[in-house]
Amino acid sequence: MTLTQTQLVEEQYQLKTYKKFPLTLVRGEDVWVWDEDGTRYLDLYGGHAVVSTGHCHPRVVEAIKSQAERFMFFSNLVYNDTRARAAKALGEVAPEGLKHIFFINSGAEANENAIKLARHMSGKSGIISFEGGFHGRTIGALSATGISKYREAFSPRIDKHFFLPFGDLDAVAALMEKEEIGGILLEPIQSMAGVCMAEPAYYQGLRALCDKHGAMLIYDEVQTGFGRTGTFFFSSRYGVTPDLATLAKGIASGMPMGAILTSDDIANRINYGDLGTTFGGGPLASAALEATIQTILEEDLLDNVNQQSEYMRGKLASIDGVVESLGLGYLMGIRFERPASDVQKALLKKQIITGLSGDDHVMRLLPPLTLKQQEIDLFLNALQEVLSALG
């Protein structure tokens, strides 16, 4: 691969993170992005599930621009009108019982603070998380991540983390009888593992076990939150409300932001100094959050996700080479008979960006919530051509 000047500069100065696509993207609009040569790509990955309202939504852009011209930053040492509006907007769409908010900057930071609160509030240090679950790359979040290739490379990690098979309620019950467990942390849909879900009774059983043993149930909604599954949050689905829910990615349409939603009980027991953040809930991110919520509500994006994802799943079921579709809404996995990486590479040559997962045969789609039937049909036609050509 011949690198462009932009790519050479990044390679020279940046530390390695992800193995990058051979793309230099410079512009975006809704579900489309353009590279430096002007080639247009359909974005079905959303920058890792981040651009919830589409690239550069006019409402979000105007909110950020207007806020930047008026007041860019002061820390949480003072009150701020934009932060107050953002908190109210989030509280109004949050599930009942999760109306208290701690603003931070990322999913890993949200999960670390949720683990900290669970241990503090329960008085017990043990944390259960699940094989295949991903919660971040900072040392605390990594200690709870159930993907060994990320976790095992770094030590010593924080102790008293226990990993169990996702979906095995009996294993959770048995461990909670033996260990002092302060919290259970899970992605309701394990995205990186291959878009894996459990039966409703599993989530209900986790809630019951936490209640029985005085532990905190934590939903990592970094990917499932903010409309991606067709409801604002996975929390409250199947009649289950966690004690804590962590948010990030799509919360502010691309501005770095995270948050924790907590119960009344937890909020009432938090004292000054227990939590803190310099940049969390800054005016720019808060303006983007408020505009993101307004856009999701006023443009009926939840209905769009439900209707269009159902349409896509119906069409996928009739395509040769597709085994099944997984997940909910626009947190979608597609299982193929062949390695998903072959399909992904071929789609990229057709200017369509998709993602992979820890399951070699599962491709992930995490598109903007604005994705419509016209773009879905473009993808489906390209997918049929790719699978036919691959044989």
Protein backbone atom coordinates (compact mmCIF):
# COMPACT_ATOMS: atom_id res chain seq x y z
CA MET A 1 0.00 0.00 0.00
CA THR A 2 1.33 3.41 -0.99
CA LEU A 3 0.68 5.96 1.75
CA THR A 4 -0.44 9.52 1.02
CA GLN A 5 1.30 12.48 2.60
CA THR A 6 -1.41 12.77 5.26
CA GLN A 7 -1.09 9.09 6.11
CA LEU A 8 2.71 9.32 6.30
CA VAL A 9 2.46 12.20 8.77
CA GLU A 10 0.04 10.28 11.00
CA GLU A 11 2.26 7.20 10.90
CA GLN A 12 5.29 9.31 11.81
CA TYR A 13 3.81 11.12 14.80
CA GLN A 14 0.94 9.03 16.19
CA LEU A 15 1.22 5.96 18.37
CA LYS A 16 -0.43 2.85 16.97
CA THR A 17 -4.08 2.30 17.89
CA TYR A 18 -6.22 0.55 15.28
CA LYS A 19 -5.02 -0.95 12.03
CA LYS A 20 -6.45 1.75 9.77
CA PHE A 21 -8.44 1.45 6.58
CA PRO A 22 -6.45 2.80 3.61
CA LEU A 23 -8.60 5.94 3.66
CA THR A 24 -8.03 9.58 4.48
CA LEU A 25 -11.46 11.01 5.18
CA VAL A 26 -11.89 14.77 5.07
CA ARG A 27 -15.63 15.48 4.90
CA GLY A 28 -18.95 13.97 5.94
CA GLU A 29 -22.65 14.54 5.40
CA ASP A 30 -25.37 12.32 6.85
CA VAL A 31 -24.45 8.69 5.97
CA TRP A 32 -21.75 9.68 3.48
CA VAL A 33 -18.04 10.49 3.86
CA TRP A 34 -15.49 11.68 1.29
CA ASP A 35 -11.78 11.03 1.04
CA GLU A 36 -9.12 13.55 0.06
CA ASP A 37 -9.53 12.61 -3.62
CA GLY A 38 -13.26 13.33 -3.54
CA THR A 39 -14.39 9.69 -3.59
CA ARG A 40 -17.67 9.18 -1.71
CA TYR A 41 -18.23 6.26 0.68
CA LEU A 42 -21.38 4.96 2.34
CA ASP A 43 -20.61 4.82 6.07
CA LEU A 44 -22.27 1.82 7.71
CA TYR A 45 -19.88 1.86 10.66
CA GLY A 46 -20.49 5.37 11.97
CA GLY A 47 -16.95 5.88 13.25
CA HIS A 48 -17.44 3.02 15.75
CA ALA A 49 -21.15 3.74 16.40
CA VAL A 50 -20.51 7.41 17.18
CA VAL A 51 -22.23 9.60 14.56
CA SER A 52 -25.75 8.86 15.75
CA THR A 53 -27.45 11.75 13.92
CA GLY A 54 -25.30 11.39 10.82
CA HIS A 55 -22.13 13.21 9.88
CA CYS A 56 -22.27 16.95 10.48
CA HIS A 57 -25.99 17.19 11.15
CA PRO A 58 -26.88 20.88 10.67
CA ARG A 59 -28.57 21.16 14.08
CA VAL A 60 -25.57 19.69 15.89
CA VAL A 61 -23.08 21.79 13.89
CA GLU A 62 -24.99 24.97 14.64
CA ALA A 63 -25.23 24.13 18.34
CA ILE A 64 -21.48 23.58 18.60
CA LYS A 65 -20.68 26.66 16.52
CA SER A 66 -23.01 28.89 18.49
CA GLN A 67 -21.68 27.62 21.82
CA ALA A 68 -18.04 28.02 20.74
CA GLU A 69 -18.68 31.65 19.83
CA ARG A 70 -20.30 32.35 23.19
CA PHE A 71 -18.49 30.31 25.88
CA MET A 72 -16.17 27.34 25.32
CA PHE A 73 -15.21 26.13 28.75
CA PHE A 74 -15.24 26.29 32.49
CA SER A 75 -15.04 23.24 34.75
CA ASN A 76 -17.72 21.75 37.00
CA LEU A 77 -16.68 24.20 39.71
CA VAL A 78 -19.43 26.50 38.42
CA TYR A 79 -22.97 26.09 37.11
CA ASN A 80 -23.56 26.46 33.37
CA ASP A 81 -26.76 27.02 31.41
CA THR A 82 -25.86 24.70 28.53
CA ARG A 83 -24.89 21.87 30.87
CA ALA A 84 -28.15 22.34 32.75
CA ARG A 85 -30.20 22.08 29.54
CA ALA A 86 -28.26 19.00 28.45
CA ALA A 87 -28.76 17.31 31.82
CA LYS A 88 -32.49 18.06 31.72
CA ALA A 89 -32.80 16.76 28.16
CA LEU A 90 -30.98 13.53 29.03
CA GLY A 91 -32.92 13.09 32.26
CA GLU A 92 -36.21 13.42 30.39
CA VAL A 93 -35.41 10.57 27.99
CA ALA A 94 -33.63 8.39 30.57
CA PRO A 95 -35.48 5.33 31.91
CA GLU A 96 -37.50 5.73 35.09
CA GLY A 97 -35.21 5.19 38.05
CA LEU A 98 -32.11 6.42 36.20
CA LYS A 99 -32.60 10.17 36.20
CA HIS A 100 -29.34 11.25 37.87
CA ILE A 101 -26.33 11.96 35.66
CA PHE A 102 -22.55 12.16 35.93
CA PHE A 103 -21.00 13.64 32.78
CA ILE A 104 -17.56 12.46 31.75
CA ASN A 105 -15.61 12.05 28.51
CA SER A 106 -15.57 8.45 27.24
CA GLY A 107 -16.95 4.95 27.63
CA ALA A 108 -13.89 3.62 29.45
CA GLU A 109 -14.09 6.49 31.93
CA ALA A 110 -17.80 5.85 32.44
CA ASN A 111 -17.22 2.15 33.11
CA GLU A 112 -14.34 2.80 35.51
CA ASN A 113 -16.48 5.17 37.55
CA ALA A 114 -19.43 2.76 37.49
CA ILE A 115 -17.22 -0.02 38.88
CA LYS A 116 -15.91 2.39 41.52
CA LEU A 117 -19.45 3.33 42.55
CA ALA A 118 -20.64 -0.28 42.65
CA ARG A 119 -17.81 -1.24 44.98
CA HIS A 120 -18.29 1.82 47.13
CA MET A 121 -22.06 1.56 47.42
CA SER A 122 -22.18 -2.19 48.02
CA GLY A 123 -19.15 -2.34 50.30
CA LYS A 124 -17.95 -5.37 48.33
CA SER A 125 -15.05 -5.48 45.89
CA GLY A 126 -15.95 -8.36 43.58
CA ILE A 127 -17.11 -7.50 40.04
CA ILE A 128 -18.57 -10.04 37.63
CA SER A 129 -18.26 -9.40 33.91
CA PHE A 130 -18.51 -11.72 30.96
CA GLU A 131 -16.40 -13.52 28.41
CA GLY A 132 -16.59 -11.58 25.16
CA GLY A 133 -17.55 -8.30 26.82
CA PHE A 134 -15.58 -5.14 26.05
CA HIS A 135 -15.53 -2.19 28.46
CA GLY A 136 -12.50 -0.09 27.50
CA ARG A 137 -8.70 -0.02 27.37
CA THR A 138 -7.80 1.96 30.50
CA ILE A 139 -6.50 -0.36 33.22
CA GLY A 140 -9.68 -0.39 35.29
CA ALA A 141 -11.99 -0.93 32.33
CA LEU A 142 -9.55 -3.42 30.82
CA SER A 143 -9.59 -5.39 34.07
CA ALA A 144 -13.31 -5.97 33.45
CA THR A 145 -12.98 -6.74 29.73
CA GLY A 146 -13.68 -10.35 28.85
CA ILE A 147 -11.58 -10.45 25.68
CA SER A 148 -8.29 -12.03 26.68
CA LYS A 149 -6.18 -10.73 23.79
CA TYR A 150 -6.70 -7.17 25.06
CA ARG A 151 -6.62 -7.93 28.78
CA GLU A 152 -3.74 -10.39 29.11
CA ALA A 153 -1.15 -8.16 27.46
CA PHE A 154 -1.19 -5.71 30.39
CA SER A 155 -0.52 -6.52 34.03
CA PRO A 156 -0.84 -6.23 36.91
CA ARG A 157 -4.53 -5.53 36.51
CA ILE A 158 -7.04 -4.65 39.20
CA ASP A 159 -8.02 -7.78 41.10
CA LYS A 160 -11.37 -9.18 42.20
CA HIS A 161 -12.71 -9.34 38.65
CA PHE A 162 -14.48 -12.56 37.73
CA PHE A 163 -15.32 -13.66 34.17
CA LEU A 164 -18.21 -15.96 33.38
CA PRO A 165 -19.84 -17.22 30.16
CA PHE A 166 -22.35 -14.71 28.79
CA GLY A 167 -25.89 -16.08 29.09
CA ASP A 168 -25.13 -18.64 31.84
CA LEU A 169 -27.28 -17.52 34.78
CA ASP A 170 -26.47 -20.61 36.86
CA ALA A 171 -22.76 -19.74 36.76
CA VAL A 172 -23.53 -16.26 38.09
CA ALA A 173 -25.73 -17.60 40.86
CA ALA A 174 -23.09 -20.11 41.94
CA LEU A 175 -20.30 -17.53 42.06
CA MET A 176 -22.40 -15.05 44.03
CA GLU A 177 -22.93 -17.69 46.70
CA LYS A 178 -19.15 -18.08 47.10
CA GLU A 179 -17.72 -14.57 46.60
CA GLU A 180 -18.46 -11.08 47.90
CA ILE A 181 -19.77 -9.52 44.69
CA GLY A 182 -20.45 -5.79 44.58
CA GLY A 183 -21.54 -5.49 40.97
CA ILE A 184 -22.32 -7.20 37.68
CA LEU A 185 -21.16 -5.35 34.55
CA LEU A 186 -22.36 -6.33 31.10
CA GLU A 187 -22.96 -5.10 27.60
CA PRO A 188 -26.62 -6.02 27.04
CA ILE A 189 -25.58 -6.81 23.47
CA GLN A 190 -21.96 -7.88 23.19
CA SER A 191 -20.94 -5.94 20.10
CA MET A 192 -17.28 -6.82 19.59
CA ALA A 193 -17.90 -10.48 20.44
CA GLY A 194 -20.10 -10.81 17.36
CA VAL A 195 -23.34 -9.00 18.33
CA CYS A 196 -24.37 -11.57 20.94
CA MET A 197 -27.59 -11.36 22.98
CA ALA A 198 -29.10 -13.46 25.74
CA GLU A 199 -32.68 -14.46 26.42
CA PRO A 200 -34.90 -11.97 28.33
CA ALA A 201 -34.93 -14.28 31.36
CA TYR A 202 -31.17 -13.88 31.66
CA TYR A 203 -31.31 -10.12 32.17
CA GLN A 204 -34.24 -10.56 34.55
CA GLY A 205 -32.28 -13.20 36.46
CA LEU A 206 -29.25 -10.93 36.81
CA ARG A 207 -31.50 -8.25 38.28
CA ALA A 208 -32.94 -10.71 40.78
CA LEU A 209 -29.49 -11.97 41.80
CA CYS A 210 -28.21 -8.44 42.35
CA ASP A 211 -31.24 -7.67 44.51
CA LYS A 212 -30.73 -10.88 46.50
CA HIS A 213 -27.03 -10.28 47.18
CA GLY A 214 -26.97 -6.49 47.54
CA ALA A 215 -24.96 -5.97 44.34
CA MET A 216 -25.24 -3.29 41.67
CA LEU A 217 -26.36 -4.19 38.15
CA ILE A 218 -24.42 -2.12 35.59
CA TYR A 219 -25.39 -1.92 31.94
CA ASP A 220 -22.61 -0.81 29.63
CA GLU A 221 -24.75 1.07 27.10
CA VAL A 222 -21.86 2.71 25.31
CA GLN A 223 -23.06 1.08 22.08
CA THR A 224 -26.67 0.12 22.84
CA GLY A 225 -27.57 3.59 24.13
CA PHE A 226 -28.91 6.61 22.28
CA GLY A 227 -31.31 4.93 19.93
CA ARG A 228 -29.08 2.34 18.31
CA THR A 229 -31.34 -0.61 19.23
CA GLY A 230 -34.56 1.24 18.35
CA THR A 231 -35.26 2.54 21.85
CA PHE A 232 -33.34 5.33 23.55
CA PHE A 233 -31.74 2.79 25.90
CA PHE A 234 -31.62 -0.96 26.39
CA SER A 235 -32.23 -0.26 30.09
CA SER A 236 -35.85 -1.05 31.05
CA ARG A 237 -36.18 -3.52 28.17
CA TYR A 238 -37.68 -6.81 29.45
CA GLY A 239 -38.76 -4.98 32.61
CA VAL A 240 -35.17 -4.72 33.89
CA THR A 241 -33.69 -1.43 35.11
CA PRO A 242 -30.03 -1.49 36.16
CA ASP A 243 -28.63 0.50 39.06
CA LEU A 244 -26.13 2.20 36.77
CA ALA A 245 -25.95 2.66 32.99
CA THR A 246 -22.85 3.92 31.20
CA LEU A 247 -23.04 5.96 28.00
CA ALA A 248 -20.67 7.37 25.37
CA LYS A 249 -20.15 7.04 21.59
CA GLY A 250 -23.41 8.34 20.03
CA ILE A 251 -24.33 10.56 22.98
CA ALA A 252 -23.12 13.77 21.31
CA SER A 253 -22.93 12.87 17.60
CA GLY A 254 -19.14 12.86 17.50
CA MET A 255 -18.12 15.25 20.26
CA PRO A 256 -16.13 13.39 22.95
CA MET A 257 -18.54 12.74 25.81
CA GLY A 258 -19.63 10.04 28.24
CA ALA A 259 -22.08 9.77 31.11
CA ILE A 260 -23.37 7.55 33.89
CA LEU A 261 -27.07 7.30 34.71
CA THR A 262 -27.79 6.32 38.31
CA SER A 263 -30.69 5.50 40.58
CA ASP A 264 -32.10 7.80 43.25
CA ASP A 265 -30.57 5.60 45.93
CA ILE A 266 -27.05 5.89 44.54
CA ALA A 267 -27.38 9.62 43.84
CA ASN A 268 -28.51 10.29 47.41
CA ARG A 269 -25.45 8.49 48.82
CA ILE A 270 -22.81 10.25 46.74
CA ASN A 271 -20.89 12.95 48.59
CA TYR A 272 -18.82 15.86 47.36
CA GLY A 273 -15.42 14.59 46.30
CA ASP A 274 -16.53 11.04 45.54
CA LEU A 275 -16.59 11.89 41.83
CA GLY A 276 -14.80 14.53 39.80
CA THR A 277 -13.94 15.54 36.26
CA THR A 278 -12.36 18.58 34.63
CA PHE A 279 -13.77 18.29 31.13
CA GLY A 280 -16.91 16.21 31.73
CA GLY A 281 -20.07 18.10 30.81
CA GLY A 282 -18.17 20.93 29.15
CA PRO A 283 -20.29 23.49 27.29
CA LEU A 284 -19.34 22.34 23.77
CA ALA A 285 -20.09 18.68 24.45
CA SER A 286 -23.26 19.62 26.33
CA ALA A 287 -24.48 21.68 23.38
CA ALA A 288 -23.89 18.71 21.08
CA LEU A 289 -25.71 16.35 23.48
CA GLU A 290 -28.76 18.59 23.69
CA ALA A 291 -28.88 18.95 19.90
CA THR A 292 -28.46 15.19 19.45
CA ILE A 293 -31.45 14.43 21.69
CA GLN A 294 -33.57 17.06 19.94
CA THR A 295 -32.68 15.60 16.56
CA ILE A 296 -33.47 12.01 17.55
CA LEU A 297 -36.86 13.08 18.91
CA GLU A 298 -37.93 15.61 16.28
CA GLU A 299 -36.82 13.55 13.29
CA ASP A 300 -38.37 10.33 14.68
CA LEU A 301 -35.06 8.51 14.37
CA LEU A 302 -36.13 5.73 16.73
CA ASP A 303 -38.97 4.86 14.36
CA ASN A 304 -36.55 5.06 11.47
CA VAL A 305 -34.17 2.62 13.14
CA ASN A 306 -36.96 0.14 13.87
CA GLN A 307 -38.58 0.30 10.43
CA GLN A 308 -35.44 0.36 8.33
CA SER A 309 -33.57 -2.30 10.31
CA GLU A 310 -36.58 -4.61 10.01
CA TYR A 311 -36.61 -3.98 6.27
CA MET A 312 -32.89 -4.74 6.01
CA ARG A 313 -33.16 -7.94 8.05
CA GLY A 314 -36.00 -9.14 5.84
CA LYS A 315 -33.94 -8.59 2.70
CA LEU A 316 -30.80 -10.14 4.19
CA ALA A 317 -32.70 -13.35 4.90
CA SER A 318 -33.06 -13.99 1.15
CA ILE A 319 -29.42 -13.38 0.16
CA ASP A 320 -27.34 -16.46 -0.59
CA GLY A 321 -24.25 -16.62 1.61
CA VAL A 322 -25.92 -14.83 4.55
CA VAL A 323 -26.53 -17.22 7.44
CA GLU A 324 -28.39 -14.87 9.80
CA SER A 325 -28.69 -11.32 11.06
CA LEU A 326 -27.99 -10.59 14.72
CA GLY A 327 -28.66 -7.89 17.31
CA LEU A 328 -31.31 -5.19 17.47
CA GLY A 329 -31.95 -2.11 15.36
CA TYR A 330 -28.79 -0.56 13.97
CA LEU A 331 -26.51 -2.60 16.20
CA MET A 332 -26.54 -5.31 13.57
CA GLY A 333 -24.38 -8.33 12.94
CA ILE A 334 -24.44 -10.31 9.70
CA ARG A 335 -23.14 -13.86 9.82
CA PHE A 336 -21.72 -15.19 6.58
CA GLU A 337 -20.80 -18.68 5.42
CA ARG A 338 -17.32 -17.34 4.61
CA PRO A 339 -14.96 -15.09 6.61
CA ALA A 340 -16.49 -11.65 7.07
CA SER A 341 -13.14 -9.98 6.32
CA ASP A 342 -13.39 -11.15 2.69
CA VAL A 343 -16.77 -9.47 2.40
CA GLN A 344 -15.63 -6.30 4.17
CA LYS A 345 -12.64 -5.84 1.86
CA ALA A 346 -14.77 -6.33 -1.24
CA LEU A 347 -17.41 -3.87 -0.01
CA LEU A 348 -14.73 -1.26 0.69
CA LYS A 349 -13.69 -1.50 -2.96
CA LYS A 350 -17.31 -0.60 -3.74
CA GLN A 351 -17.03 2.43 -1.41
CA ILE A 352 -18.99 0.95 1.49
CA ILE A 353 -17.50 1.02 5.01
CA THR A 354 -18.42 -1.77 7.42
CA GLY A 355 -16.91 -3.30 10.56
CA LEU A 356 -15.72 -6.69 11.77
CA SER A 357 -16.03 -8.44 15.15
CA GLY A 358 -14.36 -11.05 17.31
CA ASP A 359 -16.32 -13.70 15.42
CA ASP A 360 -14.53 -14.27 12.12
CA HIS A 361 -17.80 -14.82 10.29
CA VAL A 362 -19.73 -11.82 11.66
CA MET A 363 -19.65 -8.36 10.12
CA ARG A 364 -20.96 -5.44 12.17
CA LEU A 365 -23.10 -2.57 10.90
CA LEU A 366 -23.26 0.47 13.22
CA PRO A 367 -24.59 3.15 10.86
CA PRO A 368 -25.99 6.58 11.66
CA LEU A 369 -29.58 6.38 12.89
CA THR A 370 -30.55 8.40 9.80
CA LEU A 371 -29.84 5.53 7.37
CA LYS A 372 -32.80 5.17 4.97
CA GLN A 373 -34.09 2.54 2.55
CA GLN A 374 -32.39 4.07 -0.46
CA GLU A 375 -28.95 3.62 1.09
CA ILE A 376 -29.89 0.19 2.47
CA ASP A 377 -30.82 -0.96 -1.03
CA LEU A 378 -27.49 0.30 -2.33
CA PHE A 379 -25.72 -1.78 0.33
CA LEU A 380 -27.84 -4.88 -0.28
CA ASN A 381 -27.23 -4.78 -4.03
CA ALA A 382 -23.49 -4.39 -3.47
CA LEU A 383 -23.51 -7.21 -0.93
CA GLN A 384 -25.24 -9.56 -3.37
CA GLU A 385 -22.69 -8.70 -6.05
CA VAL A 386 -19.80 -9.27 -3.62
CA LEU A 387 -21.07 -12.62 -2.34
CA SER A 388 -21.77 -13.80 -5.88
CA ALA A 389 -18.28 -12.81 -7.01
CA LEU A 390 -16.61 -14.44 -4.00
CA GLY A 391 -18.48 -17.68 -4.73
